């Protein structure tokens, strides 16, 4: 199966919680990252930009803010070295008004590091 074909299936499983060896522990010293809790996120990040279309499609179809957060977090991880490009990709994916993309854009702006925050805000601003 090609990465782009797998991306659609993985994006649809964005809220599936995997079971890690530490999940049986009563006490954990470190909180688990989203990627550990939701293995589809890490898989989509590994696929990279070929997964973006599937991520955008699932943001549009998502029925919960949790799914939109995980998908947006994954997209921004793919664009971690160019967060402004990630914001622009989200904005272009919105193709008009859509509440999930409004939520995703606001969430994504919060993921930008402080030095990039104003550029991310500008990139995600309504026209």
PDB file of N, CA and C in Angstrom:
ATOM      1  N   UNK A   1       0.849  -1.172   0.000  1.00  0.00           N
ATOM      2  CA  UNK A   1       0.000   0.000   0.000  1.00  0.00           C
ATOM      3  C   UNK A   1       0.894   1.235   0.000  1.00  0.00           C
ATOM      4  N   UNK A   2       0.586   2.189  -0.863  1.00  0.00           N
ATOM      5  CA  UNK A   2       1.355   3.418  -0.932  1.00  0.00           C
ATOM      6  C   UNK A   2       1.048   4.317   0.256  1.00  0.00           C
ATOM      7  N   UNK A   3       2.012   5.168   0.564  1.00  0.00           N
ATOM      8  CA  UNK A   3       1.858   6.066   1.708  1.00  0.00           C
ATOM      9  C   UNK A   3       0.625   6.953   1.563  1.00  0.00           C
ATOM     10  N   UNK A   4       0.383   7.467   0.370  1.00  0.00           N
ATOM     11  CA  UNK A   4      -0.768   8.354   0.196  1.00  0.00           C
ATOM     12  C   UNK A   4      -2.082   7.602   0.383  1.00  0.00           C
ATOM     13  N   UNK A   5      -2.125   6.338  -0.015  1.00  0.00           N
ATOM     14  CA  UNK A   5      -3.328   5.524   0.188  1.00  0.00           C
ATOM     15  C   UNK A   5      -3.520   5.229   1.675  1.00  0.00           C
ATOM     16  N   UNK A   6      -2.443   4.939   2.359  1.00  0.00           N
ATOM     17  CA  UNK A   6      -2.518   4.647   3.791  1.00  0.00           C
ATOM     18  C   UNK A   6      -2.900   5.890   4.586  1.00  0.00           C
ATOM     19  N   UNK A   7      -2.553   7.065   4.081  1.00  0.00           N
ATOM     20  CA  UNK A   7      -2.836   8.314   4.783  1.00  0.00           C
ATOM     21  C   UNK A   7      -4.313   8.496   5.075  1.00  0.00           C
ATOM     22  N   UNK A   8      -5.162   8.157   4.123  1.00  0.00           N
ATOM     23  CA  UNK A   8      -6.605   8.315   4.330  1.00  0.00           C
ATOM     24  C   UNK A   8      -7.093   7.435   5.473  1.00  0.00           C
ATOM     25  N   UNK A   9      -6.640   6.192   5.490  1.00  0.00           N
ATOM     26  CA  UNK A   9      -7.035   5.277   6.564  1.00  0.00           C
ATOM     27  C   UNK A   9      -6.493   5.747   7.913  1.00  0.00           C
ATOM     28  N   UNK A  10      -5.241   6.177   7.932  1.00  0.00           N
ATOM     29  CA  UNK A  10      -4.637   6.639   9.185  1.00  0.00           C
ATOM     30  C   UNK A  10      -5.319   7.900   9.705  1.00  0.00           C
ATOM     31  N   UNK A  11      -5.619   8.833   8.807  1.00  0.00           N
ATOM     32  CA  UNK A  11      -6.279  10.071   9.229  1.00  0.00           C
ATOM     33  C   UNK A  11      -7.650   9.780   9.824  1.00  0.00           C
ATOM     34  N   UNK A  12      -8.332   8.784   9.282  1.00  0.00           N
ATOM     35  CA  UNK A  12      -9.647   8.409   9.817  1.00  0.00           C
ATOM     36  C   UNK A  12      -9.528   7.781  11.209  1.00  0.00           C
ATOM     37  N   UNK A  13      -8.346   7.261  11.534  1.00  0.00           N
ATOM     38  CA  UNK A  13      -8.115   6.620  12.842  1.00  0.00           C
ATOM     39  C   UNK A  13      -7.420   7.551  13.834  1.00  0.00           C
ATOM     40  N   UNK A  14      -7.520   8.848  13.613  1.00  0.00           N
ATOM     41  CA  UNK A  14      -6.740   9.812  14.397  1.00  0.00           C
ATOM     42  C   UNK A  14      -7.047   9.771  15.889  1.00  0.00           C
ATOM     43  N   UNK A  15      -8.214   9.310  16.291  1.00  0.00           N
ATOM     44  CA  UNK A  15      -8.548   9.243  17.718  1.00  0.00           C
ATOM     45  C   UNK A  15      -8.374   7.853  18.318  1.00  0.00           C
ATOM     46  N   UNK A  16      -7.894   6.901  17.509  1.00  0.00           N
ATOM     47  CA  UNK A  16      -7.650   5.557  18.029  1.00  0.00           C
ATOM     48  C   UNK A  16      -6.487   5.612  19.011  1.00  0.00           C
ATOM     49  N   UNK A  17      -6.732   5.128  20.221  1.00  0.00           N
ATOM     50  CA  UNK A  17      -5.679   5.113  21.239  1.00  0.00           C
ATOM     51  C   UNK A  17      -4.982   3.764  21.215  1.00  0.00           C
ATOM     52  N   UNK A  18      -3.688   3.817  21.005  1.00  0.00           N
ATOM     53  CA  UNK A  18      -2.890   2.605  21.039  1.00  0.00           C
ATOM     54  C   UNK A  18      -2.571   2.219  22.469  1.00  0.00           C
ATOM     55  N   UNK A  19      -2.158   1.005  22.638  1.00  0.00           N
ATOM     56  CA  UNK A  19      -1.793   0.524  23.970  1.00  0.00           C
ATOM     57  C   UNK A  19      -0.276   0.414  24.020  1.00  0.00           C
ATOM     58  N   UNK A  20       0.310   1.189  24.898  1.00  0.00           N
ATOM     59  CA  UNK A  20       1.761   1.143  25.047  1.00  0.00           C
ATOM     60  C   UNK A  20       2.099   0.328  26.296  1.00  0.00           C
ATOM     61  N   UNK A  21       3.329  -0.171  26.387  1.00  0.00           N
ATOM     62  CA  UNK A  21       3.713  -0.955  27.573  1.00  0.00           C
ATOM     63  C   UNK A  21       3.516  -0.178  28.871  1.00  0.00           C
ATOM     64  N   UNK A  22       3.674   1.142  28.813  1.00  0.00           N
ATOM     65  CA  UNK A  22       3.529   1.937  30.025  1.00  0.00           C
ATOM     66  C   UNK A  22       2.067   2.121  30.425  1.00  0.00           C
ATOM     67  N   UNK A  23       1.137   1.783  29.525  1.00  0.00           N
ATOM     68  CA  UNK A  23      -0.275   2.044  29.809  1.00  0.00           C
ATOM     69  C   UNK A  23      -0.789   1.222  30.991  1.00  0.00           C
ATOM     70  N   UNK A  24      -0.091   0.159  31.329  1.00  0.00           N
ATOM     71  CA  UNK A  24      -0.492  -0.665  32.464  1.00  0.00           C
ATOM     72  C   UNK A  24       0.013  -0.098  33.781  1.00  0.00           C
ATOM     73  N   UNK A  25       0.970   0.813  33.711  1.00  0.00           N
ATOM     74  CA  UNK A  25       1.557   1.365  34.931  1.00  0.00           C
ATOM     75  C   UNK A  25       0.555   2.247  35.659  1.00  0.00           C
ATOM     76  N   UNK A  26       0.615   2.196  36.960  1.00  0.00           N
ATOM     77  CA  UNK A  26      -0.268   3.011  37.783  1.00  0.00           C
ATOM     78  C   UNK A  26       0.280   4.432  37.875  1.00  0.00           C
ATOM     79  N   UNK A  27       1.587   4.555  37.889  1.00  0.00           N
ATOM     80  CA  UNK A  27       2.233   5.849  38.053  1.00  0.00           C
ATOM     81  C   UNK A  27       3.241   6.044  36.931  1.00  0.00           C
ATOM     82  N   UNK A  28       3.157   7.163  36.259  1.00  0.00           N
ATOM     83  CA  UNK A  28       4.112   7.465  35.197  1.00  0.00           C
ATOM     84  C   UNK A  28       4.850   8.749  35.549  1.00  0.00           C
ATOM     85  N   UNK A  29       6.150   8.759  35.337  1.00  0.00           N
ATOM     86  CA  UNK A  29       6.952   9.938  35.643  1.00  0.00           C
ATOM     87  C   UNK A  29       6.769  11.032  34.598  1.00  0.00           C
ATOM     88  N   UNK A  30       6.532  10.640  33.373  1.00  0.00           N
ATOM     89  CA  UNK A  30       6.400  11.600  32.291  1.00  0.00           C
ATOM     90  C   UNK A  30       5.047  11.419  31.613  1.00  0.00           C
ATOM     91  N   UNK A  31       4.362  12.511  31.346  1.00  0.00           N
ATOM     92  CA  UNK A  31       3.098  12.372  30.614  1.00  0.00           C
ATOM     93  C   UNK A  31       3.382  11.881  29.193  1.00  0.00           C
ATOM     94  N   UNK A  32       2.463  11.134  28.666  1.00  0.00           N
ATOM     95  CA  UNK A  32       2.638  10.601  27.318  1.00  0.00           C
ATOM     96  C   UNK A  32       2.365  11.688  26.289  1.00  0.00           C
ATOM     97  N   UNK A  33       3.124  11.668  25.221  1.00  0.00           N
ATOM     98  CA  UNK A  33       2.893  12.623  24.145  1.00  0.00           C
ATOM     99  C   UNK A  33       1.675  12.177  23.338  1.00  0.00           C
ATOM    100  N   UNK A  34       1.117  13.089  22.601  1.00  0.00           N
ATOM    101  CA  UNK A  34      -0.025  12.747  21.745  1.00  0.00           C
ATOM    102  C   UNK A  34       0.333  11.609  20.797  1.00  0.00           C
ATOM    103  N   UNK A  35       1.556  11.654  20.271  1.00  0.00           N
ATOM    104  CA  UNK A  35       1.968  10.646  19.301  1.00  0.00           C
ATOM    105  C   UNK A  35       1.995   9.249  19.905  1.00  0.00           C
ATOM    106  N   UNK A  36       2.292   9.155  21.197  1.00  0.00           N
ATOM    107  CA  UNK A  36       2.286   7.858  21.872  1.00  0.00           C
ATOM    108  C   UNK A  36       0.847   7.417  22.115  1.00  0.00           C
ATOM    109  N   UNK A  37       0.021   8.342  22.546  1.00  0.00           N
ATOM    110  CA  UNK A  37      -1.378   8.005  22.811  1.00  0.00           C
ATOM    111  C   UNK A  37      -2.150   7.671  21.529  1.00  0.00           C
ATOM    112  N   UNK A  38      -1.847   8.376  20.457  1.00  0.00           N
ATOM    113  CA  UNK A  38      -2.567   8.216  19.196  1.00  0.00           C
ATOM    114  C   UNK A  38      -1.564   7.860  18.092  1.00  0.00           C
ATOM    115  N   UNK A  39      -1.317   6.579  17.875  1.00  0.00           N
ATOM    116  CA  UNK A  39      -0.263   6.160  16.949  1.00  0.00           C
ATOM    117  C   UNK A  39      -0.461   6.612  15.503  1.00  0.00           C
ATOM    118  N   UNK A  40      -1.688   6.886  15.093  1.00  0.00           N
ATOM    119  CA  UNK A  40      -1.907   7.355  13.716  1.00  0.00           C
ATOM    120  C   UNK A  40      -1.228   8.702  13.492  1.00  0.00           C
ATOM    121  N   UNK A  41      -1.121   9.503  14.542  1.00  0.00           N
ATOM    122  CA  UNK A  41      -0.464  10.800  14.409  1.00  0.00           C
ATOM    123  C   UNK A  41       0.995  10.625  14.010  1.00  0.00           C
ATOM    124  N   UNK A  42       1.685   9.738  14.710  1.00  0.00           N
ATOM    125  CA  UNK A  42       3.100   9.510  14.410  1.00  0.00           C
ATOM    126  C   UNK A  42       3.278   8.925  13.012  1.00  0.00           C
ATOM    127  N   UNK A  43       2.383   8.022  12.636  1.00  0.00           N
ATOM    128  CA  UNK A  43       2.476   7.421  11.307  1.00  0.00           C
ATOM    129  C   UNK A  43       2.276   8.476  10.216  1.00  0.00           C
ATOM    130  N   UNK A  44       1.287   9.356  10.399  1.00  0.00           N
ATOM    131  CA  UNK A  44       1.055  10.420   9.417  1.00  0.00           C
ATOM    132  C   UNK A  44       2.229  11.394   9.367  1.00  0.00           C
ATOM    133  N   UNK A  45       2.801  11.706  10.521  1.00  0.00           N
ATOM    134  CA  UNK A  45       3.981  12.574  10.554  1.00  0.00           C
ATOM    135  C   UNK A  45       5.130  11.938   9.782  1.00  0.00           C
ATOM    136  N   UNK A  46       5.281  10.618   9.906  1.00  0.00           N
ATOM    137  CA  UNK A  46       6.337   9.904   9.186  1.00  0.00           C
ATOM    138  C   UNK A  46       6.124   9.954   7.680  1.00  0.00           C
ATOM    139  N   UNK A  47       4.875   9.900   7.257  1.00  0.00           N
ATOM    140  CA  UNK A  47       4.566   9.986   5.825  1.00  0.00           C
ATOM    141  C   UNK A  47       4.876  11.388   5.314  1.00  0.00           C
ATOM    142  N   UNK A  48       4.598  12.380   6.136  1.00  0.00           N
ATOM    143  CA  UNK A  48       4.945  13.753   5.778  1.00  0.00           C
ATOM    144  C   UNK A  48       3.949  14.393   4.826  1.00  0.00           C
ATOM    145  N   UNK A  49       4.461  15.237   3.940  1.00  0.00           N
ATOM    146  CA  UNK A  49       3.603  16.033   3.058  1.00  0.00           C
ATOM    147  C   UNK A  49       2.653  15.216   2.180  1.00  0.00           C
ATOM    148  N   UNK A  50       2.998  14.004   1.779  1.00  0.00           N
ATOM    149  CA  UNK A  50       2.008  13.226   1.013  1.00  0.00           C
ATOM    150  C   UNK A  50       0.724  12.934   1.808  1.00  0.00           C
ATOM    151  N   UNK A  51       0.757  13.086   3.134  1.00  0.00           N
ATOM    152  CA  UNK A  51      -0.419  12.828   3.975  1.00  0.00           C
ATOM    153  C   UNK A  51      -1.304  14.063   4.145  1.00  0.00           C
ATOM    154  N   UNK A  52      -0.848  15.219   3.702  1.00  0.00           N
ATOM    155  CA  UNK A  52      -1.554  16.476   3.967  1.00  0.00           C
ATOM    156  C   UNK A  52      -2.976  16.484   3.405  1.00  0.00           C
ATOM    157  N   UNK A  53      -3.168  16.031   2.182  1.00  0.00           N
ATOM    158  CA  UNK A  53      -4.521  16.039   1.606  1.00  0.00           C
ATOM    159  C   UNK A  53      -5.493  15.201   2.434  1.00  0.00           C
ATOM    160  N   UNK A  54      -5.049  14.050   2.899  1.00  0.00           N
ATOM    161  CA  UNK A  54      -5.907  13.184   3.725  1.00  0.00           C
ATOM    162  C   UNK A  54      -6.211  13.856   5.063  1.00  0.00           C
ATOM    163  N   UNK A  55      -5.233  14.545   5.627  1.00  0.00           N
ATOM    164  CA  UNK A  55      -5.441  15.256   6.890  1.00  0.00           C
ATOM    165  C   UNK A  55      -6.473  16.361   6.708  1.00  0.00           C
ATOM    166  N   UNK A  56      -6.341  17.143   5.645  1.00  0.00           N
ATOM    167  CA  UNK A  56      -7.294  18.230   5.386  1.00  0.00           C
ATOM    168  C   UNK A  56      -8.707  17.685   5.160  1.00  0.00           C
ATOM    169  N   UNK A  57      -8.794  16.588   4.454  1.00  0.00           N
ATOM    170  CA  UNK A  57     -10.106  15.965   4.207  1.00  0.00           C
ATOM    171  C   UNK A  57     -10.750  15.539   5.529  1.00  0.00           C
ATOM    172  N   UNK A  58      -9.964  14.976   6.429  1.00  0.00           N
ATOM    173  CA  UNK A  58     -10.500  14.523   7.713  1.00  0.00           C
ATOM    174  C   UNK A  58     -10.829  15.691   8.639  1.00  0.00           C
ATOM    175  N   UNK A  59     -10.090  16.792   8.529  1.00  0.00           N
ATOM    176  CA  UNK A  59     -10.457  17.976   9.319  1.00  0.00           C
ATOM    177  C   UNK A  59     -11.852  18.427   8.913  1.00  0.00           C
ATOM    178  N   UNK A  60     -12.111  18.463   7.621  1.00  0.00           N
ATOM    179  CA  UNK A  60     -13.429  18.875   7.133  1.00  0.00           C
ATOM    180  C   UNK A  60     -14.520  17.924   7.641  1.00  0.00           C
ATOM    181  N   UNK A  61     -14.231  16.630   7.685  1.00  0.00           N
ATOM    182  CA  UNK A  61     -15.235  15.623   8.054  1.00  0.00           C
ATOM    183  C   UNK A  61     -15.329  15.368   9.557  1.00  0.00           C
ATOM    184  N   UNK A  62     -14.379  15.873  10.333  1.00  0.00           N
ATOM    185  CA  UNK A  62     -14.318  15.564  11.763  1.00  0.00           C
ATOM    186  C   UNK A  62     -15.587  15.974  12.491  1.00  0.00           C
ATOM    187  N   UNK A  63     -15.968  15.129  13.441  1.00  0.00           N
ATOM    188  CA  UNK A  63     -17.180  15.405  14.210  1.00  0.00           C
ATOM    189  C   UNK A  63     -16.869  15.829  15.648  1.00  0.00           C
ATOM    190  N   UNK A  64     -15.583  15.981  15.973  1.00  0.00           N
ATOM    191  CA  UNK A  64     -15.233  16.414  17.331  1.00  0.00           C
ATOM    192  C   UNK A  64     -14.018  17.340  17.292  1.00  0.00           C
ATOM    193  N   UNK A  65     -13.954  18.220  18.278  1.00  0.00           N
ATOM    194  CA  UNK A  65     -12.799  19.105  18.389  1.00  0.00           C
ATOM    195  C   UNK A  65     -11.530  18.314  18.678  1.00  0.00           C
ATOM    196  N   UNK A  66     -11.646  17.200  19.379  1.00  0.00           N
ATOM    197  CA  UNK A  66     -10.468  16.365  19.673  1.00  0.00           C
ATOM    198  C   UNK A  66      -9.832  15.858  18.386  1.00  0.00           C
ATOM    199  N   UNK A  67     -10.666  15.418  17.454  1.00  0.00           N
ATOM    200  CA  UNK A  67     -10.141  14.941  16.174  1.00  0.00           C
ATOM    201  C   UNK A  67      -9.481  16.085  15.416  1.00  0.00           C
ATOM    202  N   UNK A  68     -10.124  17.250  15.404  1.00  0.00           N
ATOM    203  CA  UNK A  68      -9.546  18.410  14.709  1.00  0.00           C
ATOM    204  C   UNK A  68      -8.214  18.796  15.354  1.00  0.00           C
ATOM    205  N   UNK A  69      -8.139  18.775  16.674  1.00  0.00           N
ATOM    206  CA  UNK A  69      -6.880  19.085  17.359  1.00  0.00           C
ATOM    207  C   UNK A  69      -5.781  18.108  16.960  1.00  0.00           C
ATOM    208  N   UNK A  70      -6.071  16.814  17.005  1.00  0.00           N
ATOM    209  CA  UNK A  70      -5.051  15.812  16.658  1.00  0.00           C
ATOM    210  C   UNK A  70      -4.607  15.948  15.211  1.00  0.00           C
ATOM    211  N   UNK A  71      -5.552  16.159  14.308  1.00  0.00           N
ATOM    212  CA  UNK A  71      -5.220  16.316  12.894  1.00  0.00           C
ATOM    213  C   UNK A  71      -4.399  17.585  12.668  1.00  0.00           C
ATOM    214  N   UNK A  72      -4.795  18.669  13.320  1.00  0.00           N
ATOM    215  CA  UNK A  72      -4.065  19.938  13.177  1.00  0.00           C
ATOM    216  C   UNK A  72      -2.675  19.827  13.774  1.00  0.00           C
ATOM    217  N   UNK A  73      -2.574  19.207  14.928  1.00  0.00           N
ATOM    218  CA  UNK A  73      -1.271  18.993  15.564  1.00  0.00           C
ATOM    219  C   UNK A  73      -0.354  18.194  14.624  1.00  0.00           C
ATOM    220  N   UNK A  74      -0.912  17.179  14.003  1.00  0.00           N
ATOM    221  CA  UNK A  74      -0.145  16.346  13.067  1.00  0.00           C
ATOM    222  C   UNK A  74       0.313  17.173  11.872  1.00  0.00           C
ATOM    223  N   UNK A  75      -0.591  17.959  11.310  1.00  0.00           N
ATOM    224  CA  UNK A  75      -0.239  18.807  10.168  1.00  0.00           C
ATOM    225  C   UNK A  75       0.879  19.778  10.546  1.00  0.00           C
ATOM    226  N   UNK A  76       0.764  20.390  11.712  1.00  0.00           N
ATOM    227  CA  UNK A  76       1.781  21.352  12.127  1.00  0.00           C
ATOM    228  C   UNK A  76       3.116  20.670  12.437  1.00  0.00           C
ATOM    229  N   UNK A  77       3.086  19.418  12.858  1.00  0.00           N
ATOM    230  CA  UNK A  77       4.337  18.663  13.035  1.00  0.00           C
ATOM    231  C   UNK A  77       4.996  18.407  11.679  1.00  0.00           C
ATOM    232  N   UNK A  78       4.184  18.131  10.674  1.00  0.00           N
ATOM    233  CA  UNK A  78       4.726  17.937   9.322  1.00  0.00           C
ATOM    234  C   UNK A  78       5.415  19.223   8.860  1.00  0.00           C
ATOM    235  N   UNK A  79       4.848  20.367   9.214  1.00  0.00           N
ATOM    236  CA  UNK A  79       5.395  21.670   8.835  1.00  0.00           C
ATOM    237  C   UNK A  79       6.166  22.323   9.979  1.00  0.00           C
ATOM    238  N   UNK A  80       6.737  21.520  10.859  1.00  0.00           N
ATOM    239  CA  UNK A  80       7.384  22.061  12.066  1.00  0.00           C
ATOM    240  C   UNK A  80       8.528  23.022  11.746  1.00  0.00           C
ATOM    241  N   UNK A  81       9.174  22.883  10.597  1.00  0.00           N
ATOM    242  CA  UNK A  81      10.266  23.789  10.253  1.00  0.00           C
ATOM    243  C   UNK A  81       9.785  24.992   9.454  1.00  0.00           C
ATOM    244  N   UNK A  82       8.511  25.003   9.113  1.00  0.00           N
ATOM    245  CA  UNK A  82       7.916  26.146   8.406  1.00  0.00           C
ATOM    246  C   UNK A  82       6.449  26.275   8.832  1.00  0.00           C
ATOM    247  N   UNK A  83       6.218  26.663  10.088  1.00  0.00           N
ATOM    248  CA  UNK A  83       4.854  26.713  10.604  1.00  0.00           C
ATOM    249  C   UNK A  83       3.937  27.660   9.833  1.00  0.00           C
ATOM    250  N   UNK A  84       4.492  28.723   9.274  1.00  0.00           N
ATOM    251  CA  UNK A  84       3.668  29.650   8.490  1.00  0.00           C
ATOM    252  C   UNK A  84       3.110  28.926   7.267  1.00  0.00           C
ATOM    253  N   UNK A  85       3.914  28.078   6.662  1.00  0.00           N
ATOM    254  CA  UNK A  85       3.432  27.283   5.530  1.00  0.00           C
ATOM    255  C   UNK A  85       2.323  26.331   5.977  1.00  0.00           C
ATOM    256  N   UNK A  86       2.446  25.786   7.174  1.00  0.00           N
ATOM    257  CA  UNK A  86       1.394  24.929   7.715  1.00  0.00           C
ATOM    258  C   UNK A  86       0.088  25.687   7.890  1.00  0.00           C
ATOM    259  N   UNK A  87       0.176  26.903   8.411  1.00  0.00           N
ATOM    260  CA  UNK A  87      -1.021  27.742   8.575  1.00  0.00           C
ATOM    261  C   UNK A  87      -1.629  28.058   7.210  1.00  0.00           C
ATOM    262  N   UNK A  88      -0.799  28.401   6.255  1.00  0.00           N
ATOM    263  CA  UNK A  88      -1.301  28.702   4.900  1.00  0.00           C
ATOM    264  C   UNK A  88      -1.955  27.471   4.272  1.00  0.00           C
ATOM    265  N   UNK A  89      -1.397  26.310   4.525  1.00  0.00           N
ATOM    266  CA  UNK A  89      -1.970  25.068   4.005  1.00  0.00           C
ATOM    267  C   UNK A  89      -3.355  24.831   4.606  1.00  0.00           C
ATOM    268  N   UNK A  90      -3.476  25.050   5.909  1.00  0.00           N
ATOM    269  CA  UNK A  90      -4.781  24.919   6.566  1.00  0.00           C
ATOM    270  C   UNK A  90      -5.784  25.902   5.988  1.00  0.00           C
ATOM    271  N   UNK A  91      -5.347  27.131   5.827  1.00  0.00           N
ATOM    272  CA  UNK A  91      -6.235  28.178   5.317  1.00  0.00           C
ATOM    273  C   UNK A  91      -6.689  27.844   3.896  1.00  0.00           C
ATOM    274  N   UNK A  92      -5.774  27.369   3.064  1.00  0.00           N
ATOM    275  CA  UNK A  92      -6.133  26.985   1.695  1.00  0.00           C
ATOM    276  C   UNK A  92      -7.070  25.781   1.693  1.00  0.00           C
ATOM    277  N   UNK A  93      -6.868  24.874   2.631  1.00  0.00           N
ATOM    278  CA  UNK A  93      -7.712  23.687   2.725  1.00  0.00           C
ATOM    279  C   UNK A  93      -9.138  23.993   3.123  1.00  0.00           C
ATOM    280  N   UNK A  94      -9.331  25.143   3.761  1.00  0.00           N
ATOM    281  CA  UNK A  94     -10.675  25.514   4.205  1.00  0.00           C
ATOM    282  C   UNK A  94     -11.610  25.751   3.030  1.00  0.00           C
ATOM    283  N   UNK A  95     -11.087  26.268   1.937  1.00  0.00           N
ATOM    284  CA  UNK A  95     -11.883  26.533   0.724  1.00  0.00           C
ATOM    285  C   UNK A  95     -13.239  27.134   1.069  1.00  0.00           C
ATOM    286  N   UNK A  96     -13.214  28.266   1.716  1.00  0.00           N
ATOM    287  CA  UNK A  96     -14.456  28.914   2.119  1.00  0.00           C
ATOM    288  C   UNK A  96     -14.672  28.778   3.610  1.00  0.00           C
ATOM    289  N   UNK A  97     -15.871  28.994   4.036  1.00  0.00           N
ATOM    290  CA  UNK A  97     -16.199  28.940   5.462  1.00  0.00           C
ATOM    291  C   UNK A  97     -16.426  27.494   5.907  1.00  0.00           C
ATOM    292  N   UNK A  98     -15.800  27.126   6.967  1.00  0.00           N
ATOM    293  CA  UNK A  98     -16.031  25.807   7.553  1.00  0.00           C
ATOM    294  C   UNK A  98     -15.579  25.873   9.001  1.00  0.00           C
ATOM    295  N   UNK A  99     -16.478  25.564   9.924  1.00  0.00           N
ATOM    296  CA  UNK A  99     -16.175  25.735  11.351  1.00  0.00           C
ATOM    297  C   UNK A  99     -14.972  24.919  11.821  1.00  0.00           C
ATOM    298  N   UNK A 100     -14.783  23.729  11.265  1.00  0.00           N
ATOM    299  CA  UNK A 100     -13.638  22.924  11.687  1.00  0.00           C
ATOM    300  C   UNK A 100     -12.319  23.611  11.333  1.00  0.00           C
ATOM    301  N   UNK A 101     -12.274  24.284  10.183  1.00  0.00           N
ATOM    302  CA  UNK A 101     -11.043  24.958   9.792  1.00  0.00           C
ATOM    303  C   UNK A 101     -10.830  26.232  10.610  1.00  0.00           C
ATOM    304  N   UNK A 102     -11.916  26.906  10.993  1.00  0.00           N
ATOM    305  CA  UNK A 102     -11.776  28.060  11.880  1.00  0.00           C
ATOM    306  C   UNK A 102     -11.141  27.611  13.192  1.00  0.00           C
ATOM    307  N   UNK A 103     -11.644  26.509  13.745  1.00  0.00           N
ATOM    308  CA  UNK A 103     -11.099  25.961  14.984  1.00  0.00           C
ATOM    309  C   UNK A 103      -9.651  25.515  14.773  1.00  0.00           C
ATOM    310  N   UNK A 104      -9.393  24.827  13.660  1.00  0.00           N
ATOM    311  CA  UNK A 104      -8.046  24.323  13.367  1.00  0.00           C
ATOM    312  C   UNK A 104      -7.038  25.468  13.235  1.00  0.00           C
ATOM    313  N   UNK A 105      -7.432  26.549  12.565  1.00  0.00           N
ATOM    314  CA  UNK A 105      -6.524  27.684  12.404  1.00  0.00           C
ATOM    315  C   UNK A 105      -6.180  28.322  13.746  1.00  0.00           C
ATOM    316  N   UNK A 106      -7.168  28.506  14.591  1.00  0.00           N
ATOM    317  CA  UNK A 106      -6.906  29.083  15.910  1.00  0.00           C
ATOM    318  C   UNK A 106      -6.003  28.169  16.736  1.00  0.00           C
ATOM    319  N   UNK A 107      -6.271  26.872  16.675  1.00  0.00           N
ATOM    320  CA  UNK A 107      -5.453  25.903  17.407  1.00  0.00           C
ATOM    321  C   UNK A 107      -4.014  25.911  16.864  1.00  0.00           C
ATOM    322  N   UNK A 108      -3.874  25.929  15.540  1.00  0.00           N
ATOM    323  CA  UNK A 108      -2.547  25.898  14.911  1.00  0.00           C
ATOM    324  C   UNK A 108      -1.727  27.127  15.275  1.00  0.00           C
ATOM    325  N   UNK A 109      -2.363  28.286  15.327  1.00  0.00           N
ATOM    326  CA  UNK A 109      -1.632  29.510  15.690  1.00  0.00           C
ATOM    327  C   UNK A 109      -1.019  29.362  17.082  1.00  0.00           C
ATOM    328  N   UNK A 110      -1.727  28.696  17.974  1.00  0.00           N
ATOM    329  CA  UNK A 110      -1.221  28.472  19.325  1.00  0.00           C
ATOM    330  C   UNK A 110      -0.053  27.501  19.373  1.00  0.00           C
ATOM    331  N   UNK A 111       0.135  26.713  18.333  1.00  0.00           N
ATOM    332  CA  UNK A 111       1.250  25.766  18.280  1.00  0.00           C
ATOM    333  C   UNK A 111       2.535  26.412  17.774  1.00  0.00           C
ATOM    334  N   UNK A 112       2.428  27.590  17.210  1.00  0.00           N
ATOM    335  CA  UNK A 112       3.615  28.278  16.700  1.00  0.00           C
ATOM    336  C   UNK A 112       4.467  28.768  17.867  1.00  0.00           C
ATOM    337  N   UNK A 113       5.762  28.631  17.719  1.00  0.00           N
ATOM    338  CA  UNK A 113       6.698  29.102  18.744  1.00  0.00           C
ATOM    339  C   UNK A 113       6.630  30.623  18.831  1.00  0.00           C
ATOM    340  N   UNK A 114       6.911  31.192  20.009  1.00  0.00           N
ATOM    341  CA  UNK A 114       6.814  32.646  20.177  1.00  0.00           C
ATOM    342  C   UNK A 114       7.498  33.477  19.080  1.00  0.00           C
ATOM    343  N   UNK A 115       8.698  33.116  18.620  1.00  0.00           N
ATOM    344  CA  UNK A 115       9.306  33.945  17.568  1.00  0.00           C
ATOM    345  C   UNK A 115       8.515  33.941  16.247  1.00  0.00           C
ATOM    346  N   UNK A 116       7.741  32.897  16.012  1.00  0.00           N
ATOM    347  CA  UNK A 116       6.960  32.775  14.775  1.00  0.00           C
ATOM    348  C   UNK A 116       5.505  33.188  14.955  1.00  0.00           C
ATOM    349  N   UNK A 117       5.081  33.443  16.190  1.00  0.00           N
ATOM    350  CA  UNK A 117       3.665  33.644  16.488  1.00  0.00           C
ATOM    351  C   UNK A 117       3.030  34.750  15.658  1.00  0.00           C
ATOM    352  N   UNK A 118       3.671  35.900  15.532  1.00  0.00           N
ATOM    353  CA  UNK A 118       3.044  37.002  14.784  1.00  0.00           C
ATOM    354  C   UNK A 118       2.942  36.665  13.302  1.00  0.00           C
ATOM    355  N   UNK A 119       3.942  35.988  12.754  1.00  0.00           N
ATOM    356  CA  UNK A 119       3.870  35.573  11.343  1.00  0.00           C
ATOM    357  C   UNK A 119       2.754  34.549  11.146  1.00  0.00           C
ATOM    358  N   UNK A 120       2.576  33.646  12.105  1.00  0.00           N
ATOM    359  CA  UNK A 120       1.488  32.660  12.032  1.00  0.00           C
ATOM    360  C   UNK A 120       0.138  33.363  12.122  1.00  0.00           C
ATOM    361  N   UNK A 121       0.023  34.328  13.029  1.00  0.00           N
ATOM    362  CA  UNK A 121      -1.228  35.088  13.158  1.00  0.00           C
ATOM    363  C   UNK A 121      -1.571  35.779  11.848  1.00  0.00           C
ATOM    364  N   UNK A 122      -0.577  36.406  11.226  1.00  0.00           N
ATOM    365  CA  UNK A 122      -0.797  37.098   9.954  1.00  0.00           C
ATOM    366  C   UNK A 122      -1.194  36.133   8.851  1.00  0.00           C
ATOM    367  N   UNK A 123      -0.529  34.979   8.809  1.00  0.00           N
ATOM    368  CA  UNK A 123      -0.827  33.988   7.765  1.00  0.00           C
ATOM    369  C   UNK A 123      -2.242  33.431   7.913  1.00  0.00           C
ATOM    370  N   UNK A 124      -2.733  33.341   9.149  1.00  0.00           N
ATOM    371  CA  UNK A 124      -4.048  32.766   9.395  1.00  0.00           C
ATOM    372  C   UNK A 124      -5.175  33.783   9.486  1.00  0.00           C
ATOM    373  N   UNK A 125      -4.831  35.060   9.305  1.00  0.00           N
ATOM    374  CA  UNK A 125      -5.854  36.112   9.426  1.00  0.00           C
ATOM    375  C   UNK A 125      -6.878  36.015   8.306  1.00  0.00           C
ATOM    376  N   UNK A 126      -8.107  36.379   8.645  1.00  0.00           N
ATOM    377  CA  UNK A 126      -9.176  36.418   7.631  1.00  0.00           C
ATOM    378  C   UNK A 126      -8.920  37.579   6.689  1.00  0.00           C
ATOM    379  N   UNK A 127      -9.282  37.369   5.453  1.00  0.00           N
ATOM    380  CA  UNK A 127      -9.065  38.425   4.431  1.00  0.00           C
ATOM    381  C   UNK A 127     -10.271  39.301   4.282  1.00  0.00           C
TER     382      UNK A 127
END
